[in-house]
Amino acid sequence: MPQAFIQQQIKELEEKLKQQANRLMTSTNNHAKEQAIMQISKRCAGLPELDHRSCDDILGYEDSAN
């Protein structure tokens, strides 16, 4: 495929994504927003835990308390 055609397709897809994001952000449909947030939350919850330390330990709060 010609490079110009591919670039045009990418540009069109990016524009569609921007339009969808804008619709979601300006939508008065709170159910749609809630569903989108829940989908993101489920994807994040499915990520592997890479650091098993506590939040306080990671941020160094325990070091400053001593």
PDB file of N, CA and C in Angstrom:
ATOM      1  N   MET A   1       0.841  -1.187   0.000  1.00  0.00           N
ATOM      2  CA  MET A   1       0.000   0.000   0.000  1.00  0.00           C
ATOM      3  C   MET A   1       0.876   1.238   0.000  1.00  0.00           C
ATOM      4  N   PRO A   2       0.438   2.237  -0.707  1.00  0.00           N
ATOM      5  CA  PRO A   2       1.208   3.488  -0.697  1.00  0.00           C
ATOM      6  C   PRO A   2       1.209   4.133   0.696  1.00  0.00           C
ATOM      7  N   GLN A   3       2.327   4.720   1.027  1.00  0.00           N
ATOM      8  CA  GLN A   3       2.490   5.351   2.342  1.00  0.00           C
ATOM      9  C   GLN A   3       1.461   6.453   2.572  1.00  0.00           C
ATOM     10  N   ALA A   4       1.145   7.231   1.540  1.00  0.00           N
ATOM     11  CA  ALA A   4       0.184   8.329   1.683  1.00  0.00           C
ATOM     12  C   ALA A   4      -1.197   7.798   2.060  1.00  0.00           C
ATOM     13  N   PHE A   5      -1.577   6.672   1.489  1.00  0.00           N
ATOM     14  CA  PHE A   5      -2.880   6.070   1.798  1.00  0.00           C
ATOM     15  C   PHE A   5      -2.927   5.626   3.258  1.00  0.00           C
ATOM     16  N   ILE A   6      -1.856   5.006   3.718  1.00  0.00           N
ATOM     17  CA  ILE A   6      -1.784   4.538   5.103  1.00  0.00           C
ATOM     18  C   ILE A   6      -1.849   5.721   6.066  1.00  0.00           C
ATOM     19  N   GLN A   7      -1.111   6.771   5.765  1.00  0.00           N
ATOM     20  CA  GLN A   7      -1.127   7.960   6.614  1.00  0.00           C
ATOM     21  C   GLN A   7      -2.520   8.577   6.669  1.00  0.00           C
ATOM     22  N   GLN A   8      -3.222   8.595   5.552  1.00  0.00           N
ATOM     23  CA  GLN A   8      -4.583   9.139   5.517  1.00  0.00           C
ATOM     24  C   GLN A   8      -5.520   8.291   6.377  1.00  0.00           C
ATOM     25  N   GLN A   9      -5.372   6.981   6.311  1.00  0.00           N
ATOM     26  CA  GLN A   9      -6.201   6.086   7.117  1.00  0.00           C
ATOM     27  C   GLN A   9      -5.943   6.312   8.611  1.00  0.00           C
ATOM     28  N   ILE A  10      -4.682   6.464   8.967  1.00  0.00           N
ATOM     29  CA  ILE A  10      -4.327   6.720  10.365  1.00  0.00           C
ATOM     30  C   ILE A  10      -4.940   8.030  10.830  1.00  0.00           C
ATOM     31  N   LYS A  11      -4.832   9.058  10.006  1.00  0.00           N
ATOM     32  CA  LYS A  11      -5.390  10.365  10.352  1.00  0.00           C
ATOM     33  C   LYS A  11      -6.900  10.281  10.554  1.00  0.00           C
ATOM     34  N   GLU A  12      -7.590   9.552   9.689  1.00  0.00           N
ATOM     35  CA  GLU A  12      -9.042   9.412   9.811  1.00  0.00           C
ATOM     36  C   GLU A  12      -9.428   8.650  11.079  1.00  0.00           C
ATOM     37  N   LEU A  13      -8.681   7.598  11.394  1.00  0.00           N
ATOM     38  CA  LEU A  13      -8.958   6.843  12.614  1.00  0.00           C
ATOM     39  C   LEU A  13      -8.710   7.683  13.863  1.00  0.00           C
ATOM     40  N   GLU A  14      -7.639   8.457  13.869  1.00  0.00           N
ATOM     41  CA  GLU A  14      -7.356   9.331  15.006  1.00  0.00           C
ATOM     42  C   GLU A  14      -8.480  10.338  15.201  1.00  0.00           C
ATOM     43  N   GLU A  15      -8.983  10.891  14.099  1.00  0.00           N
ATOM     44  CA  GLU A  15     -10.065  11.864  14.187  1.00  0.00           C
ATOM     45  C   GLU A  15     -11.339  11.216  14.740  1.00  0.00           C
ATOM     46  N   LYS A  16     -11.633  10.008  14.313  1.00  0.00           N
ATOM     47  CA  LYS A  16     -12.807   9.300  14.831  1.00  0.00           C
ATOM     48  C   LYS A  16     -12.678   9.045  16.329  1.00  0.00           C
ATOM     49  N   LEU A  17     -11.476   8.655  16.763  1.00  0.00           N
ATOM     50  CA  LEU A  17     -11.252   8.425  18.188  1.00  0.00           C
ATOM     51  C   LEU A  17     -11.424   9.705  18.996  1.00  0.00           C
ATOM     52  N   LYS A  18     -10.930  10.817  18.457  1.00  0.00           N
ATOM     53  CA  LYS A  18     -11.087  12.105  19.139  1.00  0.00           C
ATOM     54  C   LYS A  18     -12.559  12.470  19.242  1.00  0.00           C
ATOM     55  N   GLN A  19     -13.317  12.247  18.172  1.00  0.00           N
ATOM     56  CA  GLN A  19     -14.745  12.549  18.186  1.00  0.00           C
ATOM     57  C   GLN A  19     -15.481  11.696  19.211  1.00  0.00           C
ATOM     58  N   GLN A  20     -15.141  10.417  19.278  1.00  0.00           N
ATOM     59  CA  GLN A  20     -15.778   9.538  20.255  1.00  0.00           C
ATOM     60  C   GLN A  20     -15.442   9.962  21.682  1.00  0.00           C
ATOM     61  N   ALA A  21     -14.201  10.328  21.910  1.00  0.00           N
ATOM     62  CA  ALA A  21     -13.795  10.776  23.242  1.00  0.00           C
ATOM     63  C   ALA A  21     -14.523  12.060  23.618  1.00  0.00           C
ATOM     64  N   ASN A  22     -14.640  12.986  22.681  1.00  0.00           N
ATOM     65  CA  ASN A  22     -15.352  14.229  22.952  1.00  0.00           C
ATOM     66  C   ASN A  22     -16.822  13.979  23.247  1.00  0.00           C
ATOM     67  N   ARG A  23     -17.434  13.064  22.497  1.00  0.00           N
ATOM     68  CA  ARG A  23     -18.844  12.732  22.744  1.00  0.00           C
ATOM     69  C   ARG A  23     -19.018  12.157  24.133  1.00  0.00           C
ATOM     70  N   LEU A  24     -18.113  11.292  24.525  1.00  0.00           N
ATOM     71  CA  LEU A  24     -18.203  10.681  25.838  1.00  0.00           C
ATOM     72  C   LEU A  24     -18.026  11.715  26.939  1.00  0.00           C
ATOM     73  N   MET A  25     -17.072  12.607  26.760  1.00  0.00           N
ATOM     74  CA  MET A  25     -16.796  13.607  27.794  1.00  0.00           C
ATOM     75  C   MET A  25     -17.911  14.648  27.911  1.00  0.00           C
ATOM     76  N   THR A  26     -18.592  14.948  26.822  1.00  0.00           N
ATOM     77  CA  THR A  26     -19.638  15.969  26.854  1.00  0.00           C
ATOM     78  C   THR A  26     -21.029  15.370  26.976  1.00  0.00           C
ATOM     79  N   SER A  27     -21.099  14.059  26.984  1.00  0.00           N
ATOM     80  CA  SER A  27     -22.390  13.377  27.048  1.00  0.00           C
ATOM     81  C   SER A  27     -23.050  13.613  28.399  1.00  0.00           C
ATOM     82  N   THR A  28     -24.360  13.787  28.350  1.00  0.00           N
ATOM     83  CA  THR A  28     -25.115  13.889  29.595  1.00  0.00           C
ATOM     84  C   THR A  28     -25.557  12.510  30.049  1.00  0.00           C
ATOM     85  N   ASN A  29     -25.187  11.506  29.275  1.00  0.00           N
ATOM     86  CA  ASN A  29     -25.533  10.136  29.595  1.00  0.00           C
ATOM     87  C   ASN A  29     -24.540   9.606  30.625  1.00  0.00           C
ATOM     88  N   ASN A  30     -24.882   9.722  31.880  1.00  0.00           N
ATOM     89  CA  ASN A  30     -23.984   9.292  32.951  1.00  0.00           C
ATOM     90  C   ASN A  30     -23.764   7.786  32.931  1.00  0.00           C
ATOM     91  N   HIS A  31     -24.746   7.039  32.441  1.00  0.00           N
ATOM     92  CA  HIS A  31     -24.596   5.585  32.370  1.00  0.00           C
ATOM     93  C   HIS A  31     -23.450   5.225  31.428  1.00  0.00           C
ATOM     94  N   ALA A  32     -23.344   5.903  30.279  1.00  0.00           N
ATOM     95  CA  ALA A  32     -22.264   5.630  29.329  1.00  0.00           C
ATOM     96  C   ALA A  32     -20.912   5.948  29.952  1.00  0.00           C
ATOM     97  N   LYS A  33     -20.829   7.054  30.696  1.00  0.00           N
ATOM     98  CA  LYS A  33     -19.581   7.411  31.365  1.00  0.00           C
ATOM     99  C   LYS A  33     -19.213   6.360  32.410  1.00  0.00           C
ATOM    100  N   GLU A  34     -20.224   5.943  33.172  1.00  0.00           N
ATOM    101  CA  GLU A  34     -19.975   4.940  34.204  1.00  0.00           C
ATOM    102  C   GLU A  34     -19.501   3.635  33.586  1.00  0.00           C
ATOM    103  N   GLN A  35     -20.105   3.230  32.493  1.00  0.00           N
ATOM    104  CA  GLN A  35     -19.697   1.998  31.816  1.00  0.00           C
ATOM    105  C   GLN A  35     -18.258   2.100  31.311  1.00  0.00           C
ATOM    106  N   ALA A  36     -17.897   3.255  30.743  1.00  0.00           N
ATOM    107  CA  ALA A  36     -16.530   3.445  30.248  1.00  0.00           C
ATOM    108  C   ALA A  36     -15.526   3.386  31.390  1.00  0.00           C
ATOM    109  N   ILE A  37     -15.854   4.014  32.511  1.00  0.00           N
ATOM    110  CA  ILE A  37     -14.968   3.998  33.677  1.00  0.00           C
ATOM    111  C   ILE A  37     -14.835   2.581  34.222  1.00  0.00           C
ATOM    112  N   MET A  38     -15.934   1.838  34.246  1.00  0.00           N
ATOM    113  CA  MET A  38     -15.887   0.464  34.739  1.00  0.00           C
ATOM    114  C   MET A  38     -15.048  -0.422  33.827  1.00  0.00           C
ATOM    115  N   GLN A  39     -15.112  -0.209  32.524  1.00  0.00           N
ATOM    116  CA  GLN A  39     -14.282  -0.982  31.603  1.00  0.00           C
ATOM    117  C   GLN A  39     -12.808  -0.717  31.847  1.00  0.00           C
ATOM    118  N   ILE A  40     -12.464   0.562  32.040  1.00  0.00           N
ATOM    119  CA  ILE A  40     -11.074   0.913  32.329  1.00  0.00           C
ATOM    120  C   ILE A  40     -10.644   0.287  33.653  1.00  0.00           C
ATOM    121  N   SER A  41     -11.517   0.360  34.645  1.00  0.00           N
ATOM    122  CA  SER A  41     -11.218  -0.204  35.958  1.00  0.00           C
ATOM    123  C   SER A  41     -10.963  -1.699  35.886  1.00  0.00           C
ATOM    124  N   LYS A  42     -11.785  -2.414  35.119  1.00  0.00           N
ATOM    125  CA  LYS A  42     -11.607  -3.863  34.983  1.00  0.00           C
ATOM    126  C   LYS A  42     -10.291  -4.199  34.291  1.00  0.00           C
ATOM    127  N   ARG A  43      -9.937  -3.405  33.282  1.00  0.00           N
ATOM    128  CA  ARG A  43      -8.657  -3.655  32.601  1.00  0.00           C
ATOM    129  C   ARG A  43      -7.488  -3.409  33.548  1.00  0.00           C
ATOM    130  N   CYS A  44      -7.580  -2.354  34.348  1.00  0.00           N
ATOM    131  CA  CYS A  44      -6.505  -2.052  35.299  1.00  0.00           C
ATOM    132  C   CYS A  44      -6.408  -3.131  36.370  1.00  0.00           C
ATOM    133  N   ALA A  45      -7.550  -3.620  36.833  1.00  0.00           N
ATOM    134  CA  ALA A  45      -7.555  -4.654  37.866  1.00  0.00           C
ATOM    135  C   ALA A  45      -6.944  -5.953  37.351  1.00  0.00           C
ATOM    136  N   GLY A  46      -6.995  -6.167  36.060  1.00  0.00           N
ATOM    137  CA  GLY A  46      -6.449  -7.383  35.480  1.00  0.00           C
ATOM    138  C   GLY A  46      -4.960  -7.336  35.227  1.00  0.00           C
ATOM    139  N   LEU A  47      -4.350  -6.181  35.447  1.00  0.00           N
ATOM    140  CA  LEU A  47      -2.906  -6.058  35.231  1.00  0.00           C
ATOM    141  C   LEU A  47      -2.141  -6.794  36.317  1.00  0.00           C
ATOM    142  N   PRO A  48      -0.992  -7.342  35.995  1.00  0.00           N
ATOM    143  CA  PRO A  48      -0.214  -8.051  37.017  1.00  0.00           C
ATOM    144  C   PRO A  48       0.382  -7.069  38.022  1.00  0.00           C
ATOM    145  N   GLU A  49       0.542  -7.553  39.236  1.00  0.00           N
ATOM    146  CA  GLU A  49       1.170  -6.736  40.270  1.00  0.00           C
ATOM    147  C   GLU A  49       2.669  -6.922  40.162  1.00  0.00           C
ATOM    148  N   LEU A  50       3.377  -5.860  39.887  1.00  0.00           N
ATOM    149  CA  LEU A  50       4.815  -5.942  39.672  1.00  0.00           C
ATOM    150  C   LEU A  50       5.620  -5.671  40.935  1.00  0.00           C
ATOM    151  N   ASP A  51       5.007  -5.012  41.897  1.00  0.00           N
ATOM    152  CA  ASP A  51       5.705  -4.659  43.131  1.00  0.00           C
ATOM    153  C   ASP A  51       4.772  -5.004  44.289  1.00  0.00           C
ATOM    154  N   HIS A  52       5.154  -5.963  45.106  1.00  0.00           N
ATOM    155  CA  HIS A  52       4.285  -6.462  46.164  1.00  0.00           C
ATOM    156  C   HIS A  52       4.420  -5.684  47.475  1.00  0.00           C
ATOM    157  N   ARG A  53       5.211  -4.611  47.466  1.00  0.00           N
ATOM    158  CA  ARG A  53       5.337  -3.815  48.688  1.00  0.00           C
ATOM    159  C   ARG A  53       4.056  -3.028  48.939  1.00  0.00           C
ATOM    160  N   SER A  54       3.882  -2.573  50.178  1.00  0.00           N
ATOM    161  CA  SER A  54       2.713  -1.748  50.500  1.00  0.00           C
ATOM    162  C   SER A  54       2.877  -0.367  49.870  1.00  0.00           C
ATOM    163  N   CYS A  55       1.760   0.344  49.741  1.00  0.00           N
ATOM    164  CA  CYS A  55       1.807   1.701  49.174  1.00  0.00           C
ATOM    165  C   CYS A  55       2.718   2.602  50.001  1.00  0.00           C
ATOM    166  N   ASP A  56       2.596   2.495  51.330  1.00  0.00           N
ATOM    167  CA  ASP A  56       3.425   3.328  52.204  1.00  0.00           C
ATOM    168  C   ASP A  56       4.906   3.026  52.021  1.00  0.00           C
ATOM    169  N   ASP A  57       5.238   1.759  51.849  1.00  0.00           N
ATOM    170  CA  ASP A  57       6.630   1.376  51.669  1.00  0.00           C
ATOM    171  C   ASP A  57       7.159   1.917  50.342  1.00  0.00           C
ATOM    172  N   ILE A  58       6.358   1.819  49.291  1.00  0.00           N
ATOM    173  CA  ILE A  58       6.779   2.312  47.989  1.00  0.00           C
ATOM    174  C   ILE A  58       7.019   3.818  48.027  1.00  0.00           C
ATOM    175  N   LEU A  59       6.124   4.532  48.712  1.00  0.00           N
ATOM    176  CA  LEU A  59       6.235   5.999  48.766  1.00  0.00           C
ATOM    177  C   LEU A  59       7.246   6.459  49.811  1.00  0.00           C
ATOM    178  N   GLY A  60       7.712   5.558  50.668  1.00  0.00           N
ATOM    179  CA  GLY A  60       8.728   5.909  51.634  1.00  0.00           C
ATOM    180  C   GLY A  60       8.220   6.510  52.918  1.00  0.00           C
ATOM    181  N   TYR A  61       6.911   6.372  53.206  1.00  0.00           N
ATOM    182  CA  TYR A  61       6.370   6.945  54.427  1.00  0.00           C
ATOM    183  C   TYR A  61       6.923   6.263  55.664  1.00  0.00           C
ATOM    184  N   GLU A  62       7.163   4.981  55.559  1.00  0.00           N
ATOM    185  CA  GLU A  62       7.691   4.253  56.725  1.00  0.00           C
ATOM    186  C   GLU A  62       9.097   4.730  57.073  1.00  0.00           C
ATOM    187  N   ASP A  63       9.893   5.126  56.069  1.00  0.00           N
ATOM    188  CA  ASP A  63      11.236   5.636  56.324  1.00  0.00           C
ATOM    189  C   ASP A  63      11.204   6.964  57.059  1.00  0.00           C
ATOM    190  N   SER A  64      10.257   7.815  56.712  1.00  0.00           N
ATOM    191  CA  SER A  64      10.210   9.142  57.324  1.00  0.00           C
ATOM    192  C   SER A  64       9.616   9.093  58.725  1.00  0.00           C
ATOM    193  N   ALA A  65       8.892   8.017  59.070  1.00  0.00           N
ATOM    194  CA  ALA A  65       8.288   7.899  60.400  1.00  0.00           C
ATOM    195  C   ALA A  65       9.319   7.475  61.436  1.00  0.00           C
ATOM    196  N   ASN A  66      10.403   6.864  61.004  1.00  0.00           N
ATOM    197  CA  ASN A  66      11.411   6.374  61.968  1.00  0.00           C
ATOM    198  C   ASN A  66      12.414   7.421  62.319  1.00  0.00           C
TER     199      ASN A  66
END
